[in-house]
């Protein structure tokens, strides 16, 4: 696809000199540079952030020890399991 953009004269001259020195085209140099910038921006945005998901409950239920996975898992995977113990 062809696109027209405005580039300052000094930057264009520098880009043409660099392309000639590296034995490539201005087109290839611009494409490589734009691709590198887009990758850098994508990496910055890729961080996942948890949203606030609290719902105003009364906190942990009695008997749940947050340092012991199995105590919480019993209530999640087998409802009423604690009642039967």
N, C-alpha and C. Protein backbone atom coordinates (compact mmCIF):
# COMPACT_ATOMS: atom_id res chain seq x y z
N UNK A 1 0.85 -1.17 0.00
CA UNK A 1 0.00 0.00 0.00
C UNK A 1 0.90 1.23 0.00
N UNK A 2 0.51 2.20 -0.77
CA UNK A 2 1.27 3.44 -0.82
C UNK A 2 0.65 4.45 0.12
N UNK A 3 1.53 5.16 0.85
CA UNK A 3 1.10 6.16 1.81
C UNK A 3 2.01 7.37 1.66
N UNK A 4 1.45 8.54 1.82
CA UNK A 4 2.25 9.77 1.78
C UNK A 4 2.37 10.30 3.20
N UNK A 5 3.60 10.55 3.63
CA UNK A 5 3.84 11.12 4.95
C UNK A 5 4.81 12.29 4.83
N UNK A 6 4.74 13.21 5.77
CA UNK A 6 5.67 14.33 5.81
C UNK A 6 6.79 13.99 6.77
N UNK A 7 8.03 14.10 6.26
CA UNK A 7 9.23 13.83 7.07
C UNK A 7 10.12 15.06 6.95
N UNK A 8 10.64 15.55 8.06
CA UNK A 8 11.56 16.69 7.98
C UNK A 8 12.72 16.39 7.02
N UNK A 9 13.15 17.40 6.29
CA UNK A 9 14.21 17.23 5.29
C UNK A 9 15.47 16.61 5.88
N UNK A 10 15.87 17.05 7.05
CA UNK A 10 17.10 16.54 7.66
C UNK A 10 16.97 15.05 7.99
N UNK A 11 15.80 14.64 8.49
CA UNK A 11 15.58 13.23 8.81
C UNK A 11 15.57 12.38 7.55
N UNK A 12 14.93 12.87 6.49
CA UNK A 12 14.90 12.15 5.23
C UNK A 12 16.31 11.99 4.65
N UNK A 13 17.09 13.04 4.71
CA UNK A 13 18.47 12.97 4.21
C UNK A 13 19.28 11.95 5.00
N UNK A 14 19.11 11.95 6.32
CA UNK A 14 19.81 10.99 7.18
C UNK A 14 19.37 9.55 6.85
N UNK A 15 18.07 9.38 6.63
CA UNK A 15 17.55 8.05 6.30
C UNK A 15 18.08 7.58 4.94
N UNK A 16 18.12 8.46 3.97
CA UNK A 16 18.65 8.09 2.65
C UNK A 16 20.13 7.72 2.74
N UNK A 17 20.90 8.50 3.50
CA UNK A 17 22.33 8.19 3.67
C UNK A 17 22.52 6.84 4.35
N UNK A 18 21.73 6.58 5.36
CA UNK A 18 21.83 5.31 6.09
C UNK A 18 21.46 4.15 5.18
N UNK A 19 20.40 4.29 4.40
CA UNK A 19 19.99 3.23 3.48
C UNK A 19 21.09 2.95 2.46
N UNK A 20 21.68 4.01 1.91
CA UNK A 20 22.75 3.83 0.92
C UNK A 20 23.96 3.16 1.55
N UNK A 21 24.32 3.60 2.75
CA UNK A 21 25.49 3.03 3.43
C UNK A 21 25.28 1.55 3.75
N UNK A 22 24.05 1.17 4.09
CA UNK A 22 23.75 -0.22 4.44
C UNK A 22 23.35 -1.06 3.24
N UNK A 23 23.30 -0.45 2.07
CA UNK A 23 22.97 -1.20 0.86
C UNK A 23 21.52 -1.66 0.83
N UNK A 24 20.63 -0.85 1.34
CA UNK A 24 19.21 -1.18 1.34
C UNK A 24 18.43 -0.02 0.75
N UNK A 25 17.14 -0.13 0.73
CA UNK A 25 16.30 0.95 0.19
C UNK A 25 15.70 1.77 1.32
N UNK A 26 15.28 2.96 0.98
CA UNK A 26 14.59 3.81 1.94
C UNK A 26 13.30 3.12 2.40
N UNK A 27 12.62 2.49 1.47
CA UNK A 27 11.39 1.75 1.79
C UNK A 27 11.67 0.68 2.86
N UNK A 28 12.70 -0.11 2.66
CA UNK A 28 13.03 -1.18 3.61
C UNK A 28 13.43 -0.61 4.97
N UNK A 29 14.16 0.49 4.96
CA UNK A 29 14.60 1.11 6.21
C UNK A 29 13.40 1.64 7.00
N UNK A 30 12.47 2.30 6.33
CA UNK A 30 11.27 2.82 6.99
C UNK A 30 10.41 1.67 7.51
N UNK A 31 10.25 0.63 6.70
CA UNK A 31 9.45 -0.52 7.12
C UNK A 31 10.05 -1.18 8.35
N UNK A 32 11.37 -1.36 8.37
CA UNK A 32 12.04 -1.96 9.52
C UNK A 32 11.90 -1.09 10.77
N UNK A 33 12.08 0.20 10.61
CA UNK A 33 11.99 1.11 11.75
C UNK A 33 10.58 1.18 12.32
N UNK A 34 9.58 1.25 11.46
CA UNK A 34 8.20 1.30 11.91
C UNK A 34 7.82 0.00 12.63
N UNK A 35 8.28 -1.13 12.07
CA UNK A 35 8.01 -2.42 12.71
C UNK A 35 8.62 -2.49 14.10
N UNK A 36 9.85 -1.99 14.26
CA UNK A 36 10.52 -2.02 15.56
C UNK A 36 9.78 -1.16 16.59
N UNK A 37 9.32 -0.01 16.16
CA UNK A 37 8.57 0.88 17.07
C UNK A 37 7.26 0.22 17.50
N UNK A 38 6.56 -0.40 16.57
CA UNK A 38 5.29 -1.05 16.90
C UNK A 38 5.48 -2.22 17.87
N UNK A 39 6.53 -2.99 17.70
CA UNK A 39 6.83 -4.08 18.63
C UNK A 39 7.10 -3.53 20.02
N UNK A 40 7.87 -2.47 20.09
CA UNK A 40 8.19 -1.85 21.39
C UNK A 40 6.93 -1.35 22.08
N UNK A 41 6.03 -0.74 21.34
CA UNK A 41 4.77 -0.25 21.92
C UNK A 41 3.88 -1.41 22.37
N UNK A 42 3.85 -2.49 21.59
CA UNK A 42 3.04 -3.64 21.95
C UNK A 42 3.53 -4.27 23.24
N UNK A 43 4.84 -4.35 23.42
CA UNK A 43 5.41 -4.93 24.65
C UNK A 43 5.05 -4.08 25.86
N UNK A 44 5.03 -2.78 25.70
CA UNK A 44 4.69 -1.89 26.82
C UNK A 44 3.24 -2.06 27.23
N UNK A 45 2.36 -2.28 26.27
CA UNK A 45 0.94 -2.40 26.56
C UNK A 45 0.53 -3.79 27.01
N UNK A 46 1.38 -4.78 26.83
CA UNK A 46 1.00 -6.17 27.03
C UNK A 46 0.84 -6.55 28.50
N UNK A 47 1.18 -5.69 29.42
CA UNK A 47 1.06 -6.03 30.85
C UNK A 47 -0.40 -6.21 31.23
N UNK A 48 -0.68 -7.30 31.89
CA UNK A 48 -2.04 -7.58 32.34
C UNK A 48 -2.23 -7.01 33.73
N UNK A 49 -3.33 -6.34 33.93
CA UNK A 49 -3.64 -5.81 35.25
C UNK A 49 -4.99 -6.34 35.70
N UNK A 50 -5.03 -6.81 36.93
CA UNK A 50 -6.28 -7.31 37.50
C UNK A 50 -7.21 -6.14 37.77
N UNK A 51 -8.46 -6.30 37.47
CA UNK A 51 -9.43 -5.27 37.79
C UNK A 51 -9.94 -5.53 39.21
N UNK A 52 -10.50 -4.52 39.82
CA UNK A 52 -11.07 -4.66 41.15
C UNK A 52 -12.29 -5.58 41.03
N UNK A 53 -12.29 -6.67 41.77
CA UNK A 53 -13.37 -7.65 41.63
C UNK A 53 -14.05 -7.96 42.97
N UNK A 54 -13.80 -7.13 43.97
CA UNK A 54 -14.44 -7.39 45.25
C UNK A 54 -15.94 -7.09 45.12
N UNK A 55 -16.73 -7.73 45.94
CA UNK A 55 -18.18 -7.59 45.80
C UNK A 55 -18.86 -7.20 47.10
N UNK A 56 -18.11 -6.79 48.10
CA UNK A 56 -18.72 -6.31 49.32
C UNK A 56 -19.19 -7.41 50.25
N UNK A 57 -18.58 -8.57 50.17
CA UNK A 57 -18.95 -9.67 51.07
C UNK A 57 -18.39 -9.45 52.47
N UNK A 58 -18.47 -10.49 53.29
CA UNK A 58 -18.02 -10.37 54.67
C UNK A 58 -16.64 -10.99 54.88
N UNK A 59 -15.87 -11.13 53.81
CA UNK A 59 -14.52 -11.67 53.93
C UNK A 59 -14.51 -13.19 53.95
N UNK A 60 -13.45 -13.74 54.48
CA UNK A 60 -13.30 -15.20 54.51
C UNK A 60 -14.29 -15.84 55.47
N UNK A 61 -14.72 -17.00 55.11
CA UNK A 61 -15.62 -17.76 55.96
C UNK A 61 -14.82 -18.40 57.09
N UNK A 62 -15.44 -18.65 58.22
CA UNK A 62 -14.74 -19.30 59.33
C UNK A 62 -14.17 -20.64 58.88
N UNK A 63 -12.96 -20.93 59.34
CA UNK A 63 -12.33 -22.21 59.01
C UNK A 63 -11.48 -22.18 57.75
N UNK A 64 -11.48 -21.08 56.99
CA UNK A 64 -10.66 -21.00 55.79
C UNK A 64 -9.33 -20.38 56.15
N UNK A 65 -8.28 -21.12 55.89
CA UNK A 65 -6.91 -20.65 56.16
C UNK A 65 -6.27 -20.34 54.82
N UNK A 66 -6.00 -19.06 54.53
CA UNK A 66 -5.47 -18.68 53.23
C UNK A 66 -4.07 -19.22 52.98
N UNK A 67 -3.37 -19.65 54.01
CA UNK A 67 -2.04 -20.23 53.81
C UNK A 67 -2.12 -21.73 53.53
N UNK A 68 -3.33 -22.31 53.59
CA UNK A 68 -3.50 -23.74 53.36
C UNK A 68 -4.47 -23.94 52.20
N UNK A 69 -3.95 -24.28 51.04
CA UNK A 69 -4.76 -24.43 49.84
C UNK A 69 -5.88 -25.45 50.04
N UNK A 70 -5.58 -26.52 50.70
CA UNK A 70 -6.57 -27.58 50.80
C UNK A 70 -7.80 -27.15 51.60
N UNK A 71 -7.65 -26.27 52.57
CA UNK A 71 -8.83 -25.85 53.34
C UNK A 71 -9.78 -25.02 52.48
N UNK A 72 -9.23 -24.20 51.59
CA UNK A 72 -10.07 -23.42 50.70
C UNK A 72 -10.62 -24.26 49.57
N UNK A 73 -9.82 -25.20 49.08
CA UNK A 73 -10.24 -26.02 47.95
C UNK A 73 -11.41 -26.93 48.33
N UNK A 74 -11.46 -27.36 49.56
CA UNK A 74 -12.55 -28.24 49.99
C UNK A 74 -13.89 -27.53 49.80
N UNK A 75 -13.96 -26.29 50.22
CA UNK A 75 -15.21 -25.54 50.08
C UNK A 75 -15.55 -25.20 48.65
N UNK A 76 -14.55 -25.02 47.82
CA UNK A 76 -14.79 -24.65 46.43
C UNK A 76 -15.19 -25.86 45.61
N UNK A 77 -14.45 -26.93 45.75
CA UNK A 77 -14.67 -28.10 44.89
C UNK A 77 -15.71 -29.07 45.45
N UNK A 78 -15.88 -29.09 46.73
CA UNK A 78 -16.88 -29.98 47.31
C UNK A 78 -17.73 -29.18 48.30
N UNK A 79 -18.72 -28.45 47.78
CA UNK A 79 -19.56 -27.67 48.69
C UNK A 79 -20.17 -28.56 49.77
N UNK A 80 -20.27 -28.02 50.92
CA UNK A 80 -20.83 -28.72 52.10
C UNK A 80 -19.93 -29.84 52.61
N UNK A 81 -18.71 -29.98 52.07
CA UNK A 81 -17.80 -31.04 52.52
C UNK A 81 -17.41 -30.80 53.98
N UNK A 82 -17.26 -29.54 54.36
CA UNK A 82 -16.88 -29.25 55.73
C UNK A 82 -18.00 -29.63 56.70
N UNK A 83 -19.24 -29.53 56.22
CA UNK A 83 -20.37 -29.90 57.07
C UNK A 83 -20.39 -31.39 57.38
N UNK A 84 -19.84 -32.20 56.46
CA UNK A 84 -19.89 -33.64 56.62
C UNK A 84 -18.73 -34.19 57.44
N UNK A 85 -17.73 -33.35 57.69
CA UNK A 85 -16.54 -33.83 58.41
C UNK A 85 -16.82 -33.93 59.89
